[in-house]
Amino acid sequence: MPGLRSLPGLRASPPAFLVLLLVLPGGSAAAPGAGQELEPGSRSAAAAARVALHYRNFQAASLGGLRALGQVRKATLKDIPESGHKYYLQFSTEDYRTGENAGSCLATVLYPKKRSPPVVSIQCSHTKDQKEIQEEDNRLYQRIRHQTKPITGNNIPDSYGNIEPALEPVWALAVAGSSSIMWEKSTETLSYFLAQVKSVKQWIRKDDFVEFDYTVLLHEMPTQEIISCHMRLTWLPGHPLKVKHFCASESHSMEEASGAESGSAAGPSAEKGANF
């Protein structure tokens, strides 16, 4: 799938990994008490890890810190009475664009029995410090702001998987924003990938935020359905990403999400930035 990689990741350094072991209950990625060990290569384990990364990519609101799944190393499933199925995960991650090692993560993902987004907790090690990530975000932000006319585009990437250099920051914003939609829509049996930005249009604002209207195509697994979603996105480095959206399979009232208002919990992390 364009923009999403599944290359094997490299292990984090031992000190960072040992710190991560203190984050989740029981001091490891395994569920405390009785739980079912899953094959790390199973579809359900990989899907849950991607849900955690969708949530993290949206919450981080960082174009330079986007991550993709590398390898699931350990996965445990536990049935939480009255709540749902909870996955305890340990996995490697990669820079979303380059595929380079971006550090390891520990996460829990609870799929509630009631109809609501998965509840995610995630902590990640890093291969690049936060200052470098912020500098990358600011560089990409300035590329958007310094355009001589509003940015528009269609079919990103194209049928050959190519993205015009001028549209790479716009694609990165689409990845971050659509991560909110994919996290919210995911269930234990359905997962999502960003397939393509069908169209994008920039709105000129008088303040410092940048704002875009997107139509994005999501690939639903395992049904193989293509879901069309409209997304209005606003972003400023150092601020929560704000996304309003509706999808073809939903009602046409815009649903709003903000990285500062989500019910899940993501811990501090710094990630390897993309060199757009």
C-alpha atoms as a PDB file:
ATOM      1  CA  MET A   1       0.000   0.000   0.000  1.00  0.00           C
ATOM      2  CA  PRO A   2       1.528   3.377  -0.930  1.00  0.00           C
ATOM      3  CA  GLY A   3       3.063   5.194   2.034  1.00  0.00           C
ATOM      4  CA  LEU A   4       2.674   2.243   4.421  1.00  0.00           C
ATOM      5  CA  ARG A   5       5.634  -0.026   4.983  1.00  0.00           C
ATOM      6  CA  SER A   6       6.048  -3.378   6.674  1.00  0.00           C
ATOM      7  CA  LEU A   7       9.833  -3.793   6.493  1.00  0.00           C
ATOM      8  CA  PRO A   8      11.436  -5.514   9.505  1.00  0.00           C
ATOM      9  CA  GLY A   9      12.500  -2.923  12.081  1.00  0.00           C
ATOM     10  CA  LEU A  10      15.706  -2.768  14.131  1.00  0.00           C
ATOM     11  CA  ARG A  11      15.715  -3.215  17.870  1.00  0.00           C
ATOM     12  CA  ALA A  12      15.961  -0.226  20.181  1.00  0.00           C
ATOM     13  CA  SER A  13      19.048   0.128  22.349  1.00  0.00           C
ATOM     14  CA  PRO A  14      18.855  -1.876  25.605  1.00  0.00           C
ATOM     15  CA  PRO A  15      18.641   1.153  27.962  1.00  0.00           C
ATOM     16  CA  ALA A  16      15.643   2.671  26.119  1.00  0.00           C
ATOM     17  CA  PHE A  17      13.915  -0.686  25.954  1.00  0.00           C
ATOM     18  CA  LEU A  18      14.409  -1.314  29.679  1.00  0.00           C
ATOM     19  CA  VAL A  19      12.798   2.035  30.430  1.00  0.00           C
ATOM     20  CA  LEU A  20       9.807   1.051  28.301  1.00  0.00           C
ATOM     21  CA  LEU A  21       9.332  -2.155  30.283  1.00  0.00           C
ATOM     22  CA  LEU A  22       8.272  -0.038  33.257  1.00  0.00           C
ATOM     23  CA  VAL A  23       5.449   1.670  31.381  1.00  0.00           C
ATOM     24  CA  LEU A  24       2.726  -0.950  31.188  1.00  0.00           C
ATOM     25  CA  PRO A  25       1.162  -3.117  33.937  1.00  0.00           C
ATOM     26  CA  GLY A  26       3.278  -6.077  34.932  1.00  0.00           C
ATOM     27  CA  GLY A  27       6.519  -4.454  33.695  1.00  0.00           C
ATOM     28  CA  SER A  28       6.306  -6.004  30.209  1.00  0.00           C
ATOM     29  CA  ALA A  29       4.206  -6.130  27.083  1.00  0.00           C
ATOM     30  CA  ALA A  30       2.489  -9.275  28.355  1.00  0.00           C
ATOM     31  CA  ALA A  31      -0.900  -9.033  30.007  1.00  0.00           C
ATOM     32  CA  PRO A  32      -0.951  -9.450  33.800  1.00  0.00           C
ATOM     33  CA  GLY A  33      -2.791 -12.574  34.852  1.00  0.00           C
ATOM     34  CA  ALA A  34      -4.298 -15.039  32.458  1.00  0.00           C
ATOM     35  CA  GLY A  35      -3.995 -14.173  28.804  1.00  0.00           C
ATOM     36  CA  GLN A  36      -3.661 -15.821  25.418  1.00  0.00           C
ATOM     37  CA  GLU A  37      -0.269 -15.577  23.758  1.00  0.00           C
ATOM     38  CA  LEU A  38      -0.652 -14.703  20.085  1.00  0.00           C
ATOM     39  CA  GLU A  39       1.661 -15.410  17.199  1.00  0.00           C
ATOM     40  CA  PRO A  40       3.537 -12.117  16.591  1.00  0.00           C
ATOM     41  CA  GLY A  41       2.881 -12.493  12.875  1.00  0.00           C
ATOM     42  CA  SER A  42      -0.876 -12.939  13.277  1.00  0.00           C
ATOM     43  CA  ARG A  43      -3.263 -10.544  11.511  1.00  0.00           C
ATOM     44  CA  SER A  44      -4.985  -9.580  14.772  1.00  0.00           C
ATOM     45  CA  ALA A  45      -1.701  -8.667  16.481  1.00  0.00           C
ATOM     46  CA  ALA A  46      -0.521  -6.546  13.540  1.00  0.00           C
ATOM     47  CA  ALA A  47      -3.937  -4.875  13.251  1.00  0.00           C
ATOM     48  CA  ALA A  48      -3.930  -3.917  16.937  1.00  0.00           C
ATOM     49  CA  ALA A  49      -0.376  -2.544  16.652  1.00  0.00           C
ATOM     50  CA  ARG A  50      -1.441  -0.412  13.678  1.00  0.00           C
ATOM     51  CA  VAL A  51      -4.409   0.911  15.660  1.00  0.00           C
ATOM     52  CA  ALA A  52      -1.964   2.019  18.359  1.00  0.00           C
ATOM     53  CA  LEU A  53       0.175   3.751  15.724  1.00  0.00           C
ATOM     54  CA  HIS A  54      -2.842   5.429  14.100  1.00  0.00           C
ATOM     55  CA  TYR A  55      -3.655   6.879  17.506  1.00  0.00           C
ATOM     56  CA  ARG A  56      -0.037   7.901  18.155  1.00  0.00           C
ATOM     57  CA  ASN A  57       0.401   9.539  14.732  1.00  0.00           C
ATOM     58  CA  PHE A  58      -2.756  11.587  15.263  1.00  0.00           C
ATOM     59  CA  GLN A  59      -1.903  12.584  18.841  1.00  0.00           C
ATOM     60  CA  ALA A  60       1.695  13.508  18.013  1.00  0.00           C
ATOM     61  CA  ALA A  61       0.467  16.012  15.363  1.00  0.00           C
ATOM     62  CA  SER A  62       3.967  15.879  13.919  1.00  0.00           C
ATOM     63  CA  LEU A  63       4.717  15.545  10.207  1.00  0.00           C
ATOM     64  CA  GLY A  64       8.367  14.793  10.936  1.00  0.00           C
ATOM     65  CA  GLY A  65       7.542  12.091  13.478  1.00  0.00           C
ATOM     66  CA  LEU A  66       5.150   9.835  11.567  1.00  0.00           C
ATOM     67  CA  ARG A  67       5.710   6.123  12.162  1.00  0.00           C
ATOM     68  CA  ALA A  68       4.713   2.908  10.442  1.00  0.00           C
ATOM     69  CA  LEU A  69       4.664  -0.606  11.868  1.00  0.00           C
ATOM     70  CA  GLY A  70       7.856  -2.612  11.637  1.00  0.00           C
ATOM     71  CA  GLN A  71       7.526  -6.001  13.365  1.00  0.00           C
ATOM     72  CA  VAL A  72       5.293  -7.209  16.172  1.00  0.00           C
ATOM     73  CA  ARG A  73       7.612  -8.968  18.621  1.00  0.00           C
ATOM     74  CA  LYS A  74       5.139 -10.040  21.288  1.00  0.00           C
ATOM     75  CA  ALA A  75       1.358  -9.977  21.599  1.00  0.00           C
ATOM     76  CA  THR A  76      -1.019 -11.172  24.309  1.00  0.00           C
ATOM     77  CA  LEU A  77      -4.815 -11.071  24.278  1.00  0.00           C
ATOM     78  CA  LYS A  78      -6.887 -10.831  27.435  1.00  0.00           C
ATOM     79  CA  ASP A  79     -10.675 -10.836  27.825  1.00  0.00           C
ATOM     80  CA  ILE A  80     -11.637  -8.015  30.198  1.00  0.00           C
ATOM     81  CA  PRO A  81     -15.102  -8.774  31.663  1.00  0.00           C
ATOM     82  CA  GLU A  82     -17.725  -6.130  30.860  1.00  0.00           C
ATOM     83  CA  SER A  83     -15.157  -4.180  28.808  1.00  0.00           C
ATOM     84  CA  GLY A  84     -13.877  -6.111  25.804  1.00  0.00           C
ATOM     85  CA  HIS A  85     -10.728  -7.668  24.383  1.00  0.00           C
ATOM     86  CA  LYS A  86      -7.435  -6.055  25.343  1.00  0.00           C
ATOM     87  CA  TYR A  87      -4.188  -6.552  23.406  1.00  0.00           C
ATOM     88  CA  TYR A  88      -0.781  -6.138  25.064  1.00  0.00           C
ATOM     89  CA  LEU A  89       1.811  -5.430  22.384  1.00  0.00           C
ATOM     90  CA  GLN A  90       5.529  -4.999  21.863  1.00  0.00           C
ATOM     91  CA  PHE A  91       6.629  -3.923  18.373  1.00  0.00           C
ATOM     92  CA  SER A  92       9.230  -2.062  16.339  1.00  0.00           C
ATOM     93  CA  THR A  93       8.430   0.988  14.226  1.00  0.00           C
ATOM     94  CA  GLU A  94       9.847   2.653  11.137  1.00  0.00           C
ATOM     95  CA  ASP A  95      10.017   6.135   9.727  1.00  0.00           C
ATOM     96  CA  TYR A  96       6.860   6.437   7.651  1.00  0.00           C
ATOM     97  CA  ARG A  97       8.677   7.713   4.572  1.00  0.00           C
ATOM     98  CA  THR A  98      12.173   6.197   4.658  1.00  0.00           C
ATOM     99  CA  GLY A  99      11.512   2.869   6.380  1.00  0.00           C
ATOM    100  CA  GLU A 100      14.454   3.472   8.728  1.00  0.00           C
ATOM    101  CA  ASN A 101      14.317   2.257  12.317  1.00  0.00           C
ATOM    102  CA  ALA A 102      12.324   4.713  14.465  1.00  0.00           C
ATOM    103  CA  GLY A 103      12.339   2.903  17.819  1.00  0.00           C
ATOM    104  CA  SER A 104      10.244   0.349  19.700  1.00  0.00           C
ATOM    105  CA  CYS A 105       6.838   0.703  21.309  1.00  0.00           C
ATOM    106  CA  LEU A 106       4.822  -0.933  24.067  1.00  0.00           C
ATOM    107  CA  ALA A 107       1.075  -0.497  23.760  1.00  0.00           C
ATOM    108  CA  THR A 108      -2.274  -1.738  24.964  1.00  0.00           C
ATOM    109  CA  VAL A 109      -5.346  -1.630  22.748  1.00  0.00           C
ATOM    110  CA  LEU A 110      -8.797  -2.294  24.182  1.00  0.00           C
ATOM    111  CA  TYR A 111     -11.620  -2.925  21.724  1.00  0.00           C
ATOM    112  CA  PRO A 112     -14.720  -1.947  23.747  1.00  0.00           C
ATOM    113  CA  LYS A 113     -17.836  -4.088  23.635  1.00  0.00           C
ATOM    114  CA  LYS A 114     -19.853  -0.909  23.156  1.00  0.00           C
ATOM    115  CA  ARG A 115     -19.600   1.042  19.904  1.00  0.00           C
ATOM    116  CA  SER A 116     -16.712   3.438  20.530  1.00  0.00           C
ATOM    117  CA  PRO A 117     -13.118   3.923  19.341  1.00  0.00           C
ATOM    118  CA  PRO A 118     -10.425   1.572  20.645  1.00  0.00           C
ATOM    119  CA  VAL A 119      -8.830   2.711  23.906  1.00  0.00           C
ATOM    120  CA  VAL A 120      -5.096   3.043  23.360  1.00  0.00           C
ATOM    121  CA  SER A 121      -2.112   3.491  25.644  1.00  0.00           C
ATOM    122  CA  ILE A 122       1.293   3.684  23.960  1.00  0.00           C
ATOM    123  CA  GLN A 123       4.862   4.484  24.933  1.00  0.00           C
ATOM    124  CA  CYS A 124       7.729   4.550  22.442  1.00  0.00           C
ATOM    125  CA  SER A 125      11.502   4.788  22.455  1.00  0.00           C
ATOM    126  CA  HIS A 126      13.094   7.051  19.872  1.00  0.00           C
ATOM    127  CA  THR A 127      16.011   7.384  17.479  1.00  0.00           C
ATOM    128  CA  LYS A 128      15.827  11.168  17.083  1.00  0.00           C
ATOM    129  CA  ASP A 129      15.449  13.828  19.754  1.00  0.00           C
ATOM    130  CA  GLN A 130      12.432  16.073  20.075  1.00  0.00           C
ATOM    131  CA  LYS A 131      14.313  19.198  19.001  1.00  0.00           C
ATOM    132  CA  GLU A 132      15.120  17.607  15.637  1.00  0.00           C
ATOM    133  CA  ILE A 133      11.471  16.582  15.218  1.00  0.00           C
ATOM    134  CA  GLN A 134      10.322  20.148  15.938  1.00  0.00           C
ATOM    135  CA  GLU A 135      12.805  21.565  13.452  1.00  0.00           C
ATOM    136  CA  GLU A 136      11.538  19.164  10.794  1.00  0.00           C
ATOM    137  CA  ASP A 137       7.917  20.120  11.544  1.00  0.00           C
ATOM    138  CA  ASN A 138       8.754  23.807  11.252  1.00  0.00           C
ATOM    139  CA  ARG A 139      10.573  23.264   7.970  1.00  0.00           C
ATOM    140  CA  LEU A 140       7.582  21.448   6.474  1.00  0.00           C
ATOM    141  CA  TYR A 141       5.210  24.070   7.866  1.00  0.00           C
ATOM    142  CA  GLN A 142       7.222  26.860   6.215  1.00  0.00           C
ATOM    143  CA  ARG A 143       7.127  24.989   2.890  1.00  0.00           C
ATOM    144  CA  ILE A 144       3.331  25.092   3.077  1.00  0.00           C
ATOM    145  CA  ARG A 145       3.138  28.714   4.218  1.00  0.00           C
ATOM    146  CA  HIS A 146       5.518  30.029   1.577  1.00  0.00           C
ATOM    147  CA  GLN A 147       3.530  28.791  -1.402  1.00  0.00           C
ATOM    148  CA  THR A 148       2.639  31.658  -3.721  1.00  0.00           C
ATOM    149  CA  LYS A 149      -0.921  30.356  -4.198  1.00  0.00           C
ATOM    150  CA  PRO A 150      -3.253  27.935  -2.379  1.00  0.00           C
ATOM    151  CA  ILE A 151      -2.147  24.312  -2.705  1.00  0.00           C
ATOM    152  CA  THR A 152      -4.388  21.949  -4.663  1.00  0.00           C
ATOM    153  CA  GLY A 153      -3.787  18.400  -5.815  1.00  0.00           C
ATOM    154  CA  ASN A 154      -5.357  15.156  -6.980  1.00  0.00           C
ATOM    155  CA  ASN A 155      -4.483  11.464  -6.846  1.00  0.00           C
ATOM    156  CA  ILE A 156      -1.662  11.531  -4.304  1.00  0.00           C
ATOM    157  CA  PRO A 157       0.253   9.289  -4.777  1.00  0.00           C
ATOM    158  CA  ASP A 158      -0.332   8.658  -8.467  1.00  0.00           C
ATOM    159  CA  SER A 159      -0.940   5.239 -10.010  1.00  0.00           C
ATOM    160  CA  TYR A 160       2.819   4.593  -9.986  1.00  0.00           C
ATOM    161  CA  GLY A 161       3.174   5.415  -6.283  1.00  0.00           C
ATOM    162  CA  ASN A 162       4.886   8.761  -6.913  1.00  0.00           C
ATOM    163  CA  ILE A 163       4.342  11.990  -4.967  1.00  0.00           C
ATOM    164  CA  GLU A 164       5.402  15.374  -6.331  1.00  0.00           C
ATOM    165  CA  PRO A 165       7.961  16.971  -3.982  1.00  0.00           C
ATOM    166  CA  ALA A 166       5.779  20.063  -3.558  1.00  0.00           C
ATOM    167  CA  LEU A 167       2.931  17.867  -2.293  1.00  0.00           C
ATOM    168  CA  GLU A 168       4.922  15.769   0.182  1.00  0.00           C
ATOM    169  CA  PRO A 169       4.024  17.967   3.219  1.00  0.00           C
ATOM    170  CA  VAL A 170       0.354  17.789   2.149  1.00  0.00           C
ATOM    171  CA  TRP A 171       0.576  13.979   1.971  1.00  0.00           C
ATOM    172  CA  ALA A 172       2.190  13.865   5.428  1.00  0.00           C
ATOM    173  CA  LEU A 173      -0.658  15.994   6.822  1.00  0.00           C
ATOM    174  CA  ALA A 174      -3.144  13.580   5.238  1.00  0.00           C
ATOM    175  CA  VAL A 175      -1.412  10.646   6.936  1.00  0.00           C
ATOM    176  CA  ALA A 176      -1.576  12.364  10.331  1.00  0.00           C
ATOM    177  CA  GLY A 177      -5.179  13.516   9.920  1.00  0.00           C
ATOM    178  CA  SER A 178      -6.553  10.288   8.462  1.00  0.00           C
ATOM    179  CA  SER A 179      -4.914   8.421  11.336  1.00  0.00           C
ATOM    180  CA  SER A 180      -7.654   9.904  13.512  1.00  0.00           C
ATOM    181  CA  ILE A 181     -10.346   8.451  11.235  1.00  0.00           C
ATOM    182  CA  MET A 182      -8.664   5.050  10.965  1.00  0.00           C
ATOM    183  CA  TRP A 183      -8.198   4.834  14.744  1.00  0.00           C
ATOM    184  CA  GLU A 184     -11.835   5.741  15.416  1.00  0.00           C
ATOM    185  CA  LYS A 185     -13.246   3.359  12.797  1.00  0.00           C
ATOM    186  CA  SER A 186     -11.073   0.355  13.682  1.00  0.00           C
ATOM    187  CA  THR A 187     -12.641  -2.669  15.353  1.00  0.00           C
ATOM    188  CA  GLU A 188     -11.272  -6.063  16.286  1.00  0.00           C
ATOM    189  CA  THR A 189     -12.369  -7.368  12.880  1.00  0.00           C
ATOM    190  CA  LEU A 190     -11.829  -4.299  10.651  1.00  0.00           C
ATOM    191  CA  SER A 191      -8.644  -2.312  10.079  1.00  0.00           C
ATOM    192  CA  TYR A 192      -7.686   0.505   7.713  1.00  0.00           C
ATOM    193  CA  PHE A 193      -4.854   1.837   5.561  1.00  0.00           C
ATOM    194  CA  LEU A 194      -4.613   5.200   3.802  1.00  0.00           C
ATOM    195  CA  ALA A 195      -4.680   4.321   0.100  1.00  0.00           C
ATOM    196  CA  GLN A 196      -4.729   7.736  -1.588  1.00  0.00           C
ATOM    197  CA  VAL A 197      -5.550  11.407  -1.301  1.00  0.00           C
ATOM    198  CA  LYS A 198      -8.148  11.752  -4.038  1.00  0.00           C
ATOM    199  CA  SER A 199      -8.193  15.547  -3.800  1.00  0.00           C
ATOM    200  CA  VAL A 200      -6.880  18.324  -1.574  1.00  0.00           C
ATOM    201  CA  LYS A 201      -7.516  22.075  -1.431  1.00  0.00           C
ATOM    202  CA  GLN A 202      -5.916  24.637   0.865  1.00  0.00           C
ATOM    203  CA  TRP A 203      -7.952  27.347   2.574  1.00  0.00           C
ATOM    204  CA  ILE A 204      -6.214  30.660   3.203  1.00  0.00           C
ATOM    205  CA  ARG A 205      -6.424  31.803   6.826  1.00  0.00           C
ATOM    206  CA  LYS A 206      -5.528  35.097   8.502  1.00  0.00           C
ATOM    207  CA  ASP A 207      -3.960  33.384  11.516  1.00  0.00           C
ATOM    208  CA  ASP A 208      -0.904  31.101  11.599  1.00  0.00           C
ATOM    209  CA  PHE A 209      -2.745  27.797  11.168  1.00  0.00           C
ATOM    210  CA  VAL A 210      -2.845  25.949   7.863  1.00  0.00           C
ATOM    211  CA  GLU A 211      -6.163  24.435   6.781  1.00  0.00           C
ATOM    212  CA  PHE A 212      -7.013  21.894   4.107  1.00  0.00           C
ATOM    213  CA  ASP A 213     -10.014  20.067   2.699  1.00  0.00           C
ATOM    214  CA  TYR A 214      -9.221  16.473   1.743  1.00  0.00           C
ATOM    215  CA  THR A 215     -11.017  13.590   0.136  1.00  0.00           C
ATOM    216  CA  VAL A 216      -9.119  10.469   1.194  1.00  0.00           C
ATOM    217  CA  LEU A 217      -9.579   6.835   0.217  1.00  0.00           C
ATOM    218  CA  LEU A 218      -9.194   4.273   2.999  1.00  0.00           C
ATOM    219  CA  HIS A 219      -8.567   0.597   2.297  1.00  0.00           C
ATOM    220  CA  GLU A 220     -10.661  -1.502   4.670  1.00  0.00           C
ATOM    221  CA  MET A 221      -9.300  -4.915   5.656  1.00  0.00           C
ATOM    222  CA  PRO A 222     -10.142  -7.747   5.314  1.00  0.00           C
ATOM    223  CA  THR A 223     -13.213  -6.692   3.263  1.00  0.00           C
ATOM    224  CA  GLN A 224     -11.036  -4.987   0.598  1.00  0.00           C
ATOM    225  CA  GLU A 225     -13.592  -2.163   0.473  1.00  0.00           C
ATOM    226  CA  ILE A 226     -12.438   1.357  -0.454  1.00  0.00           C
ATOM    227  CA  ILE A 227     -14.017   3.942   1.854  1.00  0.00           C
ATOM    228  CA  SER A 228     -14.176   7.587   0.747  1.00  0.00           C
ATOM    229  CA  CYS A 229     -13.925  10.176   3.528  1.00  0.00           C
ATOM    230  CA  HIS A 230     -14.039  13.969   3.506  1.00  0.00           C
ATOM    231  CA  MET A 231     -11.683  15.603   5.983  1.00  0.00           C
ATOM    232  CA  ARG A 232     -11.226  19.239   7.063  1.00  0.00           C
ATOM    233  CA  LEU A 233      -7.886  19.593   8.830  1.00  0.00           C
ATOM    234  CA  THR A 234      -6.147  22.449  10.664  1.00  0.00           C
ATOM    235  CA  TRP A 235      -2.563  22.337  11.914  1.00  0.00           C
ATOM    236  CA  LEU A 236       0.144  24.463  13.483  1.00  0.00           C
ATOM    237  CA  PRO A 237       3.406  22.963  14.795  1.00  0.00           C
ATOM    238  CA  GLY A 238       3.274  22.503  18.552  1.00  0.00           C
ATOM    239  CA  HIS A 239      -0.542  22.458  18.624  1.00  0.00           C
ATOM    240  CA  PRO A 240      -3.044  19.576  18.547  1.00  0.00           C
ATOM    241  CA  LEU A 241      -4.187  18.462  15.131  1.00  0.00           C
ATOM    242  CA  LYS A 242      -7.885  19.198  14.565  1.00  0.00           C
ATOM    243  CA  VAL A 243      -9.862  17.038  12.173  1.00  0.00           C
ATOM    244  CA  LYS A 244     -13.519  17.103  11.114  1.00  0.00           C
ATOM    245  CA  HIS A 245     -14.660  14.294   8.869  1.00  0.00           C
ATOM    246  CA  PHE A 246     -17.449  12.206   7.449  1.00  0.00           C
ATOM    247  CA  CYS A 247     -17.160   9.022   5.438  1.00  0.00           C
ATOM    248  CA  ALA A 248     -19.392   7.605   2.729  1.00  0.00           C
ATOM    249  CA  SER A 249     -20.599   4.852   5.057  1.00  0.00           C
ATOM    250  CA  GLU A 250     -21.543   7.324   7.799  1.00  0.00           C
ATOM    251  CA  SER A 251     -24.075  10.086   8.288  1.00  0.00           C
ATOM    252  CA  HIS A 252     -23.128  13.380   6.685  1.00  0.00           C
ATOM    253  CA  SER A 253     -22.721  15.328   9.919  1.00  0.00           C
ATOM    254  CA  MET A 254     -19.075  16.230  10.411  1.00  0.00           C
ATOM    255  CA  GLU A 255     -17.429  14.417  13.317  1.00  0.00           C
ATOM    256  CA  GLU A 256     -14.690  16.377  15.065  1.00  0.00           C
ATOM    257  CA  ALA A 257     -11.525  15.099  16.687  1.00  0.00           C
ATOM    258  CA  SER A 258      -8.701  16.964  18.376  1.00  0.00           C
ATOM    259  CA  GLY A 259      -5.444  15.547  19.613  1.00  0.00           C
ATOM    260  CA  ALA A 260      -5.952  17.362  22.908  1.00  0.00           C
ATOM    261  CA  GLU A 261      -9.394  15.928  23.626  1.00  0.00           C
ATOM    262  CA  SER A 262      -9.103  12.182  23.030  1.00  0.00           C
ATOM    263  CA  GLY A 263     -10.024   9.694  25.724  1.00  0.00           C
ATOM    264  CA  SER A 264      -7.048   7.403  25.107  1.00  0.00           C
ATOM    265  CA  ALA A 265      -3.642   7.996  26.589  1.00  0.00           C
ATOM    266  CA  ALA A 266      -0.337   8.389  24.805  1.00  0.00           C
ATOM    267  CA  GLY A 267       2.880   8.902  26.694  1.00  0.00           C
ATOM    268  CA  PRO A 268       5.720  11.246  25.746  1.00  0.00           C
ATOM    269  CA  SER A 269       7.730  10.111  22.771  1.00  0.00           C
ATOM    270  CA  ALA A 270      10.179  11.435  20.216  1.00  0.00           C
ATOM    271  CA  GLU A 271      10.409   9.874  16.809  1.00  0.00           C
ATOM    272  CA  LYS A 272      12.689   9.796  13.803  1.00  0.00           C
ATOM    273  CA  GLY A 273      11.527  12.449  11.360  1.00  0.00           C
ATOM    274  CA  ALA A 274      11.015  12.103   7.638  1.00  0.00           C
ATOM    275  CA  ASN A 275      13.306  14.015   5.324  1.00  0.00           C
ATOM    276  CA  PHE A 276      10.746  15.410   2.893  1.00  0.00           C
END
